[in-house]
Amino acid sequence: MAAARRLTRQQLTQWDVDEDACDTAALIVTELFTNAVLHTASEHVACELRDSDGRLRVAVKDQGMRPTGPQLRQAGHEEHGRGLQLVDALSSFWGTRDVADGPGRIVWAELPC
């Protein structure tokens, strides 16, 4: 997760994305990447960043084989399970879709930059 966060920051710095958006994107990448690693049977997890028309899109692709996609949980006292609530609060939009060319899922989030 640290490598994904570091690479995200490097790329966004090259694109001259402001510091607040960079911090937010790095946090979203961390949450989505962590979910993919912890909750899927993936051997490979990939992250994609796009900067288009003042919007930054973060997408994490896994090879997960779970029958349902990521879901928001109600806030509770558990240590885990609040990552998607954080993504929901920090992003303008987020969602999930199945990979078109094989097993897996893409979870994405958009934010202004």
PDB file of N, CA and C in Angstrom:
ATOM      1  N   MET A   1       0.808  -1.180   0.000  1.00  0.00           N
ATOM      2  CA  MET A   1       0.000   0.000   0.000  1.00  0.00           C
ATOM      3  C   MET A   1       0.862   1.258   0.000  1.00  0.00           C
ATOM      4  N   ALA A   2       1.966   1.197   0.687  1.00  0.00           N
ATOM      5  CA  ALA A   2       2.857   2.359   0.725  1.00  0.00           C
ATOM      6  C   ALA A   2       3.395   2.678  -0.663  1.00  0.00           C
ATOM      7  N   ALA A   3       3.716   1.651  -1.443  1.00  0.00           N
ATOM      8  CA  ALA A   3       4.223   1.882  -2.804  1.00  0.00           C
ATOM      9  C   ALA A   3       3.151   2.514  -3.674  1.00  0.00           C
ATOM     10  N   ALA A   4       1.910   2.063  -3.563  1.00  0.00           N
ATOM     11  CA  ALA A   4       0.815   2.646  -4.348  1.00  0.00           C
ATOM     12  C   ALA A   4       0.621   4.111  -3.975  1.00  0.00           C
ATOM     13  N   ARG A   5       0.671   4.415  -2.695  1.00  0.00           N
ATOM     14  CA  ARG A   5       0.534   5.795  -2.238  1.00  0.00           C
ATOM     15  C   ARG A   5       1.691   6.659  -2.750  1.00  0.00           C
ATOM     16  N   ARG A   6       2.912   6.128  -2.662  1.00  0.00           N
ATOM     17  CA  ARG A   6       4.085   6.876  -3.115  1.00  0.00           C
ATOM     18  C   ARG A   6       4.033   7.141  -4.616  1.00  0.00           C
ATOM     19  N   LEU A   7       3.695   6.122  -5.405  1.00  0.00           N
ATOM     20  CA  LEU A   7       3.615   6.291  -6.853  1.00  0.00           C
ATOM     21  C   LEU A   7       2.494   7.249  -7.247  1.00  0.00           C
ATOM     22  N   THR A   8       1.396   7.213  -6.519  1.00  0.00           N
ATOM     23  CA  THR A   8       0.297   8.157  -6.765  1.00  0.00           C
ATOM     24  C   THR A   8       0.775   9.580  -6.552  1.00  0.00           C
ATOM     25  N   ARG A   9       1.436   9.809  -5.441  1.00  0.00           N
ATOM     26  CA  ARG A   9       1.942  11.161  -5.150  1.00  0.00           C
ATOM     27  C   ARG A   9       2.947  11.626  -6.216  1.00  0.00           C
ATOM     28  N   GLN A  10       3.822  10.726  -6.640  1.00  0.00           N
ATOM     29  CA  GLN A  10       4.799  11.092  -7.673  1.00  0.00           C
ATOM     30  C   GLN A  10       4.111  11.518  -8.956  1.00  0.00           C
ATOM     31  N   GLN A  11       3.136  10.735  -9.404  1.00  0.00           N
ATOM     32  CA  GLN A  11       2.443  11.051 -10.652  1.00  0.00           C
ATOM     33  C   GLN A  11       1.662  12.360 -10.538  1.00  0.00           C
ATOM     34  N   LEU A  12       0.971  12.547  -9.446  1.00  0.00           N
ATOM     35  CA  LEU A  12       0.180  13.765  -9.286  1.00  0.00           C
ATOM     36  C   LEU A  12       1.058  15.002  -9.157  1.00  0.00           C
ATOM     37  N   THR A  13       2.211  14.854  -8.559  1.00  0.00           N
ATOM     38  CA  THR A  13       3.169  15.962  -8.496  1.00  0.00           C
ATOM     39  C   THR A  13       3.651  16.336  -9.896  1.00  0.00           C
ATOM     40  N   GLN A  14       3.910  15.333 -10.725  1.00  0.00           N
ATOM     41  CA  GLN A  14       4.304  15.594 -12.118  1.00  0.00           C
ATOM     42  C   GLN A  14       3.201  16.321 -12.879  1.00  0.00           C
ATOM     43  N   TRP A  15       1.952  16.031 -12.566  1.00  0.00           N
ATOM     44  CA  TRP A  15       0.814  16.679 -13.222  1.00  0.00           C
ATOM     45  C   TRP A  15       0.473  18.028 -12.585  1.00  0.00           C
ATOM     46  N   ASP A  16       1.238  18.459 -11.578  1.00  0.00           N
ATOM     47  CA  ASP A  16       0.997  19.710 -10.850  1.00  0.00           C
ATOM     48  C   ASP A  16      -0.376  19.758 -10.186  1.00  0.00           C
ATOM     49  N   VAL A  17      -0.823  18.639  -9.660  1.00  0.00           N
ATOM     50  CA  VAL A  17      -2.078  18.590  -8.912  1.00  0.00           C
ATOM     51  C   VAL A  17      -1.827  19.232  -7.556  1.00  0.00           C
ATOM     52  N   ASP A  18      -2.774  20.054  -7.091  1.00  0.00           N
ATOM     53  CA  ASP A  18      -2.563  20.759  -5.824  1.00  0.00           C
ATOM     54  C   ASP A  18      -2.456  19.776  -4.658  1.00  0.00           C
ATOM     55  N   GLU A  19      -1.864  20.254  -3.592  1.00  0.00           N
ATOM     56  CA  GLU A  19      -1.514  19.410  -2.450  1.00  0.00           C
ATOM     57  C   GLU A  19      -2.735  18.742  -1.804  1.00  0.00           C
ATOM     58  N   ASP A  20      -3.835  19.492  -1.656  1.00  0.00           N
ATOM     59  CA  ASP A  20      -5.031  18.910  -1.032  1.00  0.00           C
ATOM     60  C   ASP A  20      -5.581  17.753  -1.863  1.00  0.00           C
ATOM     61  N   ALA A  21      -5.680  17.954  -3.172  1.00  0.00           N
ATOM     62  CA  ALA A  21      -6.175  16.884  -4.050  1.00  0.00           C
ATOM     63  C   ALA A  21      -5.206  15.705  -4.053  1.00  0.00           C
ATOM     64  N   CYS A  22      -3.920  15.983  -3.980  1.00  0.00           N
ATOM     65  CA  CYS A  22      -2.905  14.932  -3.927  1.00  0.00           C
ATOM     66  C   CYS A  22      -3.074  14.096  -2.649  1.00  0.00           C
ATOM     67  N   ASP A  23      -3.264  14.767  -1.524  1.00  0.00           N
ATOM     68  CA  ASP A  23      -3.470  14.061  -0.254  1.00  0.00           C
ATOM     69  C   ASP A  23      -4.730  13.204  -0.298  1.00  0.00           C
ATOM     70  N   THR A  24      -5.804  13.777  -0.820  1.00  0.00           N
ATOM     71  CA  THR A  24      -7.068  13.052  -0.907  1.00  0.00           C
ATOM     72  C   THR A  24      -6.948  11.843  -1.821  1.00  0.00           C
ATOM     73  N   ALA A  25      -6.347  12.036  -2.985  1.00  0.00           N
ATOM     74  CA  ALA A  25      -6.176  10.926  -3.930  1.00  0.00           C
ATOM     75  C   ALA A  25      -5.308   9.820  -3.335  1.00  0.00           C
ATOM     76  N   ALA A  26      -4.254  10.188  -2.633  1.00  0.00           N
ATOM     77  CA  ALA A  26      -3.386   9.182  -2.014  1.00  0.00           C
ATOM     78  C   ALA A  26      -4.150   8.380  -0.957  1.00  0.00           C
ATOM     79  N   LEU A  27      -5.004   9.037  -0.196  1.00  0.00           N
ATOM     80  CA  LEU A  27      -5.806   8.350   0.799  1.00  0.00           C
ATOM     81  C   LEU A  27      -6.815   7.403   0.131  1.00  0.00           C
ATOM     82  N   ILE A  28      -7.454   7.863  -0.944  1.00  0.00           N
ATOM     83  CA  ILE A  28      -8.408   7.019  -1.665  1.00  0.00           C
ATOM     84  C   ILE A  28      -7.704   5.810  -2.265  1.00  0.00           C
ATOM     85  N   VAL A  29      -6.541   6.016  -2.872  1.00  0.00           N
ATOM     86  CA  VAL A  29      -5.772   4.895  -3.421  1.00  0.00           C
ATOM     87  C   VAL A  29      -5.457   3.892  -2.327  1.00  0.00           C
ATOM     88  N   THR A  30      -5.038   4.374  -1.183  1.00  0.00           N
ATOM     89  CA  THR A  30      -4.718   3.485  -0.060  1.00  0.00           C
ATOM     90  C   THR A  30      -5.925   2.651   0.337  1.00  0.00           C
ATOM     91  N   GLU A  31      -7.080   3.281   0.468  1.00  0.00           N
ATOM     92  CA  GLU A  31      -8.291   2.556   0.875  1.00  0.00           C
ATOM     93  C   GLU A  31      -8.705   1.530  -0.168  1.00  0.00           C
ATOM     94  N   LEU A  32      -8.742   1.925  -1.447  1.00  0.00           N
ATOM     95  CA  LEU A  32      -9.173   1.003  -2.497  1.00  0.00           C
ATOM     96  C   LEU A  32      -8.176  -0.142  -2.675  1.00  0.00           C
ATOM     97  N   PHE A  33      -6.898   0.181  -2.619  1.00  0.00           N
ATOM     98  CA  PHE A  33      -5.869  -0.838  -2.765  1.00  0.00           C
ATOM     99  C   PHE A  33      -5.915  -1.820  -1.593  1.00  0.00           C
ATOM    100  N   THR A  34      -6.079  -1.297  -0.392  1.00  0.00           N
ATOM    101  CA  THR A  34      -6.172  -2.150   0.792  1.00  0.00           C
ATOM    102  C   THR A  34      -7.360  -3.090   0.687  1.00  0.00           C
ATOM    103  N   ASN A  35      -8.516  -2.575   0.264  1.00  0.00           N
ATOM    104  CA  ASN A  35      -9.694  -3.432   0.098  1.00  0.00           C
ATOM    105  C   ASN A  35      -9.434  -4.538  -0.911  1.00  0.00           C
ATOM    106  N   ALA A  36      -8.793  -4.201  -2.025  1.00  0.00           N
ATOM    107  CA  ALA A  36      -8.509  -5.212  -3.053  1.00  0.00           C
ATOM    108  C   ALA A  36      -7.584  -6.302  -2.514  1.00  0.00           C
ATOM    109  N   VAL A  37      -6.581  -5.919  -1.757  1.00  0.00           N
ATOM    110  CA  VAL A  37      -5.625  -6.890  -1.214  1.00  0.00           C
ATOM    111  C   VAL A  37      -6.274  -7.754  -0.126  1.00  0.00           C
ATOM    112  N   LEU A  38      -7.042  -7.131   0.765  1.00  0.00           N
ATOM    113  CA  LEU A  38      -7.607  -7.862   1.898  1.00  0.00           C
ATOM    114  C   LEU A  38      -8.839  -8.694   1.557  1.00  0.00           C
ATOM    115  N   HIS A  39      -9.625  -8.252   0.583  1.00  0.00           N
ATOM    116  CA  HIS A  39     -10.931  -8.867   0.374  1.00  0.00           C
ATOM    117  C   HIS A  39     -11.101  -9.604  -0.948  1.00  0.00           C
ATOM    118  N   THR A  40     -10.027  -9.789  -1.686  1.00  0.00           N
ATOM    119  CA  THR A  40     -10.128 -10.541  -2.942  1.00  0.00           C
ATOM    120  C   THR A  40      -9.038 -11.599  -2.978  1.00  0.00           C
ATOM    121  N   ALA A  41      -9.171 -12.506  -3.894  1.00  0.00           N
ATOM    122  CA  ALA A  41      -8.168 -13.557  -4.075  1.00  0.00           C
ATOM    123  C   ALA A  41      -7.204 -13.177  -5.194  1.00  0.00           C
ATOM    124  N   SER A  42      -6.875 -11.916  -5.293  1.00  0.00           N
ATOM    125  CA  SER A  42      -6.066 -11.406  -6.405  1.00  0.00           C
ATOM    126  C   SER A  42      -4.585 -11.689  -6.236  1.00  0.00           C
ATOM    127  N   GLU A  43      -3.979 -12.080  -7.332  1.00  0.00           N
ATOM    128  CA  GLU A  43      -2.521 -12.182  -7.380  1.00  0.00           C
ATOM    129  C   GLU A  43      -1.922 -10.875  -7.888  1.00  0.00           C
ATOM    130  N   HIS A  44      -2.752 -10.071  -8.554  1.00  0.00           N
ATOM    131  CA  HIS A  44      -2.293  -8.812  -9.127  1.00  0.00           C
ATOM    132  C   HIS A  44      -3.358  -7.742  -8.887  1.00  0.00           C
ATOM    133  N   VAL A  45      -2.937  -6.600  -8.359  1.00  0.00           N
ATOM    134  CA  VAL A  45      -3.812  -5.447  -8.158  1.00  0.00           C
ATOM    135  C   VAL A  45      -3.143  -4.268  -8.861  1.00  0.00           C
ATOM    136  N   ALA A  46      -3.916  -3.554  -9.671  1.00  0.00           N
ATOM    137  CA  ALA A  46      -3.360  -2.434 -10.438  1.00  0.00           C
ATOM    138  C   ALA A  46      -4.134  -1.157 -10.127  1.00  0.00           C
ATOM    139  N   CYS A  47      -3.427  -0.045 -10.194  1.00  0.00           N
ATOM    140  CA  CYS A  47      -4.022   1.264  -9.954  1.00  0.00           C
ATOM    141  C   CYS A  47      -3.837   2.116 -11.204  1.00  0.00           C
ATOM    142  N   GLU A  48      -4.875   2.849 -11.554  1.00  0.00           N
ATOM    143  CA  GLU A  48      -4.813   3.758 -12.703  1.00  0.00           C
ATOM    144  C   GLU A  48      -5.265   5.141 -12.269  1.00  0.00           C
ATOM    145  N   LEU A  49      -4.548   6.157 -12.723  1.00  0.00           N
ATOM    146  CA  LEU A  49      -4.897   7.545 -12.457  1.00  0.00           C
ATOM    147  C   LEU A  49      -5.161   8.246 -13.781  1.00  0.00           C
ATOM    148  N   ARG A  50      -6.199   9.076 -13.808  1.00  0.00           N
ATOM    149  CA  ARG A  50      -6.488   9.895 -14.993  1.00  0.00           C
ATOM    150  C   ARG A  50      -6.812  11.308 -14.546  1.00  0.00           C
ATOM    151  N   ASP A  51      -6.269  12.273 -15.260  1.00  0.00           N
ATOM    152  CA  ASP A  51      -6.550  13.680 -15.011  1.00  0.00           C
ATOM    153  C   ASP A  51      -7.211  14.223 -16.273  1.00  0.00           C
ATOM    154  N   SER A  52      -8.488  14.578 -16.171  1.00  0.00           N
ATOM    155  CA  SER A  52      -9.219  15.012 -17.352  1.00  0.00           C
ATOM    156  C   SER A  52     -10.238  16.080 -16.977  1.00  0.00           C
ATOM    157  N   ASP A  53     -10.170  17.201 -17.651  1.00  0.00           N
ATOM    158  CA  ASP A  53     -11.153  18.278 -17.476  1.00  0.00           C
ATOM    159  C   ASP A  53     -11.351  18.688 -16.019  1.00  0.00           C
ATOM    160  N   GLY A  54     -10.258  18.811 -15.297  1.00  0.00           N
ATOM    161  CA  GLY A  54     -10.337  19.252 -13.913  1.00  0.00           C
ATOM    162  C   GLY A  54     -10.825  18.201 -12.936  1.00  0.00           C
ATOM    163  N   ARG A  55     -10.893  16.968 -13.377  1.00  0.00           N
ATOM    164  CA  ARG A  55     -11.319  15.864 -12.520  1.00  0.00           C
ATOM    165  C   ARG A  55     -10.231  14.810 -12.484  1.00  0.00           C
ATOM    166  N   LEU A  56     -10.000  14.291 -11.319  1.00  0.00           N
ATOM    167  CA  LEU A  56      -9.026  13.222 -11.139  1.00  0.00           C
ATOM    168  C   LEU A  56      -9.796  11.935 -10.894  1.00  0.00           C
ATOM    169  N   ARG A  57      -9.473  10.901 -11.659  1.00  0.00           N
ATOM    170  CA  ARG A  57     -10.132   9.595 -11.497  1.00  0.00           C
ATOM    171  C   ARG A  57      -9.088   8.587 -11.034  1.00  0.00           C
ATOM    172  N   VAL A  58      -9.402   7.916  -9.944  1.00  0.00           N
ATOM    173  CA  VAL A  58      -8.573   6.864  -9.372  1.00  0.00           C
ATOM    174  C   VAL A  58      -9.326   5.555  -9.569  1.00  0.00           C
ATOM    175  N   ALA A  59      -8.665   4.553 -10.135  1.00  0.00           N
ATOM    176  CA  ALA A  59      -9.302   3.252 -10.322  1.00  0.00           C
ATOM    177  C   ALA A  59      -8.347   2.153  -9.871  1.00  0.00           C
ATOM    178  N   VAL A  60      -8.879   1.184  -9.150  1.00  0.00           N
ATOM    179  CA  VAL A  60      -8.102   0.037  -8.701  1.00  0.00           C
ATOM    180  C   VAL A  60      -8.768  -1.211  -9.259  1.00  0.00           C
ATOM    181  N   LYS A  61      -7.973  -2.000  -9.962  1.00  0.00           N
ATOM    182  CA  LYS A  61      -8.463  -3.226 -10.599  1.00  0.00           C
ATOM    183  C   LYS A  61      -7.887  -4.425  -9.867  1.00  0.00           C
ATOM    184  N   ASP A  62      -8.779  -5.373  -9.516  1.00  0.00           N
ATOM    185  CA  ASP A  62      -8.325  -6.598  -8.874  1.00  0.00           C
ATOM    186  C   ASP A  62      -8.787  -7.796  -9.693  1.00  0.00           C
ATOM    187  N   GLN A  63      -8.419  -8.966  -9.233  1.00  0.00           N
ATOM    188  CA  GLN A  63      -8.815 -10.210  -9.882  1.00  0.00           C
ATOM    189  C   GLN A  63      -9.816 -10.966  -9.021  1.00  0.00           C
ATOM    190  N   GLY A  64     -10.438 -10.261  -8.111  1.00  0.00           N
ATOM    191  CA  GLY A  64     -11.306 -10.874  -7.125  1.00  0.00           C
ATOM    192  C   GLY A  64     -12.427 -11.693  -7.718  1.00  0.00           C
ATOM    193  N   MET A  65     -12.813 -12.714  -6.981  1.00  0.00           N
ATOM    194  CA  MET A  65     -13.830 -13.642  -7.447  1.00  0.00           C
ATOM    195  C   MET A  65     -15.048 -13.640  -6.523  1.00  0.00           C
ATOM    196  N   ARG A  66     -15.244 -12.591  -5.756  1.00  0.00           N
ATOM    197  CA  ARG A  66     -16.383 -12.560  -4.832  1.00  0.00           C
ATOM    198  C   ARG A  66     -17.671 -12.339  -5.616  1.00  0.00           C
ATOM    199  N   PRO A  67     -18.782 -12.918  -5.174  1.00  0.00           N
ATOM    200  CA  PRO A  67     -20.042 -12.793  -5.901  1.00  0.00           C
ATOM    201  C   PRO A  67     -20.665 -11.399  -5.836  1.00  0.00           C
ATOM    202  N   THR A  68     -20.302 -10.598  -4.857  1.00  0.00           N
ATOM    203  CA  THR A  68     -20.832  -9.242  -4.767  1.00  0.00           C
ATOM    204  C   THR A  68     -19.684  -8.261  -4.743  1.00  0.00           C
ATOM    205  N   GLY A  69     -19.973  -7.044  -5.125  1.00  0.00           N
ATOM    206  CA  GLY A  69     -18.953  -6.004  -5.139  1.00  0.00           C
ATOM    207  C   GLY A  69     -18.804  -5.346  -3.783  1.00  0.00           C
ATOM    208  N   PRO A  70     -17.921  -4.378  -3.722  1.00  0.00           N
ATOM    209  CA  PRO A  70     -17.723  -3.628  -2.480  1.00  0.00           C
ATOM    210  C   PRO A  70     -19.023  -2.945  -2.070  1.00  0.00           C
ATOM    211  N   GLN A  71     -19.256  -2.879  -0.774  1.00  0.00           N
ATOM    212  CA  GLN A  71     -20.473  -2.273  -0.259  1.00  0.00           C
ATOM    213  C   GLN A  71     -20.153  -1.406   0.948  1.00  0.00           C
ATOM    214  N   LEU A  72     -20.871  -0.287   1.042  1.00  0.00           N
ATOM    215  CA  LEU A  72     -20.730   0.556   2.219  1.00  0.00           C
ATOM    216  C   LEU A  72     -21.279  -0.172   3.429  1.00  0.00           C
ATOM    217  N   ARG A  73     -20.608  -0.023   4.547  1.00  0.00           N
ATOM    218  CA  ARG A  73     -21.089  -0.582   5.813  1.00  0.00           C
ATOM    219  C   ARG A  73     -21.534   0.563   6.700  1.00  0.00           C
ATOM    220  N   GLN A  74     -22.415   0.254   7.612  1.00  0.00           N
ATOM    221  CA  GLN A  74     -22.827   1.245   8.599  1.00  0.00           C
ATOM    222  C   GLN A  74     -21.682   1.466   9.580  1.00  0.00           C
ATOM    223  N   ALA A  75     -21.541   2.700  10.011  1.00  0.00           N
ATOM    224  CA  ALA A  75     -20.494   3.012  10.980  1.00  0.00           C
ATOM    225  C   ALA A  75     -20.753   2.244  12.267  1.00  0.00           C
ATOM    226  N   GLY A  76     -19.718   1.692  12.795  1.00  0.00           N
ATOM    227  CA  GLY A  76     -19.830   0.939  14.036  1.00  0.00           C
ATOM    228  C   GLY A  76     -18.554   1.107  14.835  1.00  0.00           C
ATOM    229  N   HIS A  77     -18.342   0.198  15.718  1.00  0.00           N
ATOM    230  CA  HIS A  77     -17.159   0.282  16.563  1.00  0.00           C
ATOM    231  C   HIS A  77     -16.052  -0.657  16.098  1.00  0.00           C
ATOM    232  N   GLU A  78     -16.261  -1.316  14.939  1.00  0.00           N
ATOM    233  CA  GLU A  78     -15.243  -2.227  14.441  1.00  0.00           C
ATOM    234  C   GLU A  78     -14.020  -1.439  13.982  1.00  0.00           C
ATOM    235  N   GLU A  79     -12.882  -2.092  14.034  1.00  0.00           N
ATOM    236  CA  GLU A  79     -11.645  -1.461  13.591  1.00  0.00           C
ATOM    237  C   GLU A  79     -11.611  -1.350  12.076  1.00  0.00           C
ATOM    238  N   HIS A  80     -12.203  -2.306  11.371  1.00  0.00           N
ATOM    239  CA  HIS A  80     -12.174  -2.338   9.918  1.00  0.00           C
ATOM    240  C   HIS A  80     -13.570  -2.086   9.359  1.00  0.00           C
ATOM    241  N   GLY A  81     -13.640  -1.805   8.057  1.00  0.00           N
ATOM    242  CA  GLY A  81     -14.933  -1.717   7.405  1.00  0.00           C
ATOM    243  C   GLY A  81     -15.420  -0.322   7.106  1.00  0.00           C
ATOM    244  N   ARG A  82     -14.593   0.675   7.356  1.00  0.00           N
ATOM    245  CA  ARG A  82     -15.030   2.049   7.102  1.00  0.00           C
ATOM    246  C   ARG A  82     -14.342   2.681   5.910  1.00  0.00           C
ATOM    247  N   GLY A  83     -13.536   1.916   5.188  1.00  0.00           N
ATOM    248  CA  GLY A  83     -12.770   2.470   4.069  1.00  0.00           C
ATOM    249  C   GLY A  83     -13.632   3.046   2.975  1.00  0.00           C
ATOM    250  N   LEU A  84     -14.696   2.344   2.598  1.00  0.00           N
ATOM    251  CA  LEU A  84     -15.564   2.860   1.542  1.00  0.00           C
ATOM    252  C   LEU A  84     -16.391   4.050   2.008  1.00  0.00           C
ATOM    253  N   GLN A  85     -16.668   4.136   3.298  1.00  0.00           N
ATOM    254  CA  GLN A  85     -17.326   5.343   3.815  1.00  0.00           C
ATOM    255  C   GLN A  85     -16.403   6.542   3.645  1.00  0.00           C
ATOM    256  N   LEU A  86     -15.136   6.337   3.873  1.00  0.00           N
ATOM    257  CA  LEU A  86     -14.153   7.391   3.689  1.00  0.00           C
ATOM    258  C   LEU A  86     -14.066   7.789   2.210  1.00  0.00           C
ATOM    259  N   VAL A  87     -13.999   6.797   1.322  1.00  0.00           N
ATOM    260  CA  VAL A  87     -13.971   7.069  -0.119  1.00  0.00           C
ATOM    261  C   VAL A  87     -15.222   7.837  -0.522  1.00  0.00           C
ATOM    262  N   ASP A  88     -16.375   7.426  -0.014  1.00  0.00           N
ATOM    263  CA  ASP A  88     -17.641   8.089  -0.324  1.00  0.00           C
ATOM    264  C   ASP A  88     -17.623   9.547   0.131  1.00  0.00           C
ATOM    265  N   ALA A  89     -17.086   9.797   1.306  1.00  0.00           N
ATOM    266  CA  ALA A  89     -17.052  11.154   1.858  1.00  0.00           C
ATOM    267  C   ALA A  89     -16.058  12.052   1.120  1.00  0.00           C
ATOM    268  N   LEU A  90     -14.958  11.488   0.648  1.00  0.00           N
ATOM    269  CA  LEU A  90     -13.897  12.291   0.038  1.00  0.00           C
ATOM    270  C   LEU A  90     -14.058  12.501  -1.460  1.00  0.00           C
ATOM    271  N   SER A  91     -14.808  11.646  -2.120  1.00  0.00           N
ATOM    272  CA  SER A  91     -14.910  11.728  -3.579  1.00  0.00           C
ATOM    273  C   SER A  91     -16.228  12.369  -4.003  1.00  0.00           C
ATOM    274  N   SER A  92     -16.237  12.879  -5.226  1.00  0.00           N
ATOM    275  CA  SER A  92     -17.466  13.418  -5.804  1.00  0.00           C
ATOM    276  C   SER A  92     -18.386  12.287  -6.219  1.00  0.00           C
ATOM    277  N   PHE A  93     -17.787  11.253  -6.792  1.00  0.00           N
ATOM    278  CA  PHE A  93     -18.499  10.063  -7.251  1.00  0.00           C
ATOM    279  C   PHE A  93     -17.580   8.871  -7.036  1.00  0.00           C
ATOM    280  N   TRP A  94     -18.168   7.709  -6.846  1.00  0.00           N
ATOM    281  CA  TRP A  94     -17.384   6.473  -6.833  1.00  0.00           C
ATOM    282  C   TRP A  94     -18.310   5.343  -7.239  1.00  0.00           C
ATOM    283  N   GLY A  95     -17.715   4.261  -7.667  1.00  0.00           N
ATOM    284  CA  GLY A  95     -18.518   3.134  -8.086  1.00  0.00           C
ATOM    285  C   GLY A  95     -17.660   1.915  -8.350  1.00  0.00           C
ATOM    286  N   THR A  96     -18.300   0.890  -8.867  1.00  0.00           N
ATOM    287  CA  THR A  96     -17.619  -0.358  -9.132  1.00  0.00           C
ATOM    288  C   THR A  96     -18.220  -0.994 -10.378  1.00  0.00           C
ATOM    289  N   ARG A  97     -17.399  -1.726 -11.083  1.00  0.00           N
ATOM    290  CA  ARG A  97     -17.887  -2.467 -12.242  1.00  0.00           C
ATOM    291  C   ARG A  97     -17.019  -3.699 -12.414  1.00  0.00           C
ATOM    292  N   ASP A  98     -17.614  -4.718 -13.022  1.00  0.00           N
ATOM    293  CA  ASP A  98     -16.859  -5.932 -13.311  1.00  0.00           C
ATOM    294  C   ASP A  98     -15.910  -5.677 -14.471  1.00  0.00           C
ATOM    295  N   VAL A  99     -14.794  -6.367 -14.477  1.00  0.00           N
ATOM    296  CA  VAL A  99     -13.837  -6.287 -15.570  1.00  0.00           C
ATOM    297  C   VAL A  99     -14.468  -6.952 -16.790  1.00  0.00           C
ATOM    298  N   ALA A 100     -14.360  -6.330 -17.942  1.00  0.00           N
ATOM    299  CA  ALA A 100     -15.014  -6.837 -19.148  1.00  0.00           C
ATOM    300  C   ALA A 100     -14.330  -8.079 -19.716  1.00  0.00           C
ATOM    301  N   ASP A 101     -13.032  -8.185 -19.571  1.00  0.00           N
ATOM    302  CA  ASP A 101     -12.285  -9.244 -20.254  1.00  0.00           C
ATOM    303  C   ASP A 101     -11.746 -10.325 -19.319  1.00  0.00           C
ATOM    304  N   GLY A 102     -12.478 -10.649 -18.281  1.00  0.00           N
ATOM    305  CA  GLY A 102     -12.029 -11.702 -17.378  1.00  0.00           C
ATOM    306  C   GLY A 102     -12.539 -11.479 -15.975  1.00  0.00           C
ATOM    307  N   PRO A 103     -12.045 -12.274 -15.041  1.00  0.00           N
ATOM    308  CA  PRO A 103     -12.507 -12.110 -13.663  1.00  0.00           C
ATOM    309  C   PRO A 103     -11.931 -10.845 -13.047  1.00  0.00           C
ATOM    310  N   GLY A 104     -12.647 -10.302 -12.129  1.00  0.00           N
ATOM    311  CA  GLY A 104     -12.144  -9.154 -11.399  1.00  0.00           C
ATOM    312  C   GLY A 104     -13.128  -8.010 -11.381  1.00  0.00           C
ATOM    313  N   ARG A 105     -12.705  -6.964 -10.718  1.00  0.00           N
ATOM    314  CA  ARG A 105     -13.553  -5.807 -10.525  1.00  0.00           C
ATOM    315  C   ARG A 105     -12.695  -4.554 -10.524  1.00  0.00           C
ATOM    316  N   ILE A 106     -13.291  -3.476 -10.974  1.00  0.00           N
ATOM    317  CA  ILE A 106     -12.656  -2.164 -10.906  1.00  0.00           C
ATOM    318  C   ILE A 106     -13.484  -1.292  -9.966  1.00  0.00           C
ATOM    319  N   VAL A 107     -12.829  -0.724  -8.984  1.00  0.00           N
ATOM    320  CA  VAL A 107     -13.461   0.225  -8.076  1.00  0.00           C
ATOM    321  C   VAL A 107     -12.810   1.572  -8.357  1.00  0.00           C
ATOM    322  N   TRP A 108     -13.627   2.587  -8.592  1.00  0.00           N
ATOM    323  CA  TRP A 108     -13.114   3.880  -8.999  1.00  0.00           C
ATOM    324  C   TRP A 108     -13.718   4.999  -8.155  1.00  0.00           C
ATOM    325  N   ALA A 109     -13.026   6.109  -8.137  1.00  0.00           N
ATOM    326  CA  ALA A 109     -13.508   7.311  -7.444  1.00  0.00           C
ATOM    327  C   ALA A 109     -13.034   8.522  -8.231  1.00  0.00           C
ATOM    328  N   GLU A 110     -13.846   9.572  -8.234  1.00  0.00           N
ATOM    329  CA  GLU A 110     -13.492  10.819  -8.895  1.00  0.00           C
ATOM    330  C   GLU A 110     -13.504  11.959  -7.883  1.00  0.00           C
ATOM    331  N   LEU A 111     -12.596  12.897  -8.092  1.00  0.00           N
ATOM    332  CA  LEU A 111     -12.554  14.082  -7.255  1.00  0.00           C
ATOM    333  C   LEU A 111     -12.045  15.250  -8.077  1.00  0.00           C
ATOM    334  N   PRO A 112     -12.430  16.460  -7.702  1.00  0.00           N
ATOM    335  CA  PRO A 112     -11.902  17.628  -8.419  1.00  0.00           C
ATOM    336  C   PRO A 112     -10.431  17.823  -8.098  1.00  0.00           C
ATOM    337  N   CYS A 113      -9.722  18.359  -9.084  1.00  0.00           N
ATOM    338  CA  CYS A 113      -8.297  18.637  -8.821  1.00  0.00           C
ATOM    339  C   CYS A 113      -7.905  20.008  -9.326  1.00  0.00           C
TER     340      CYS A 113
END
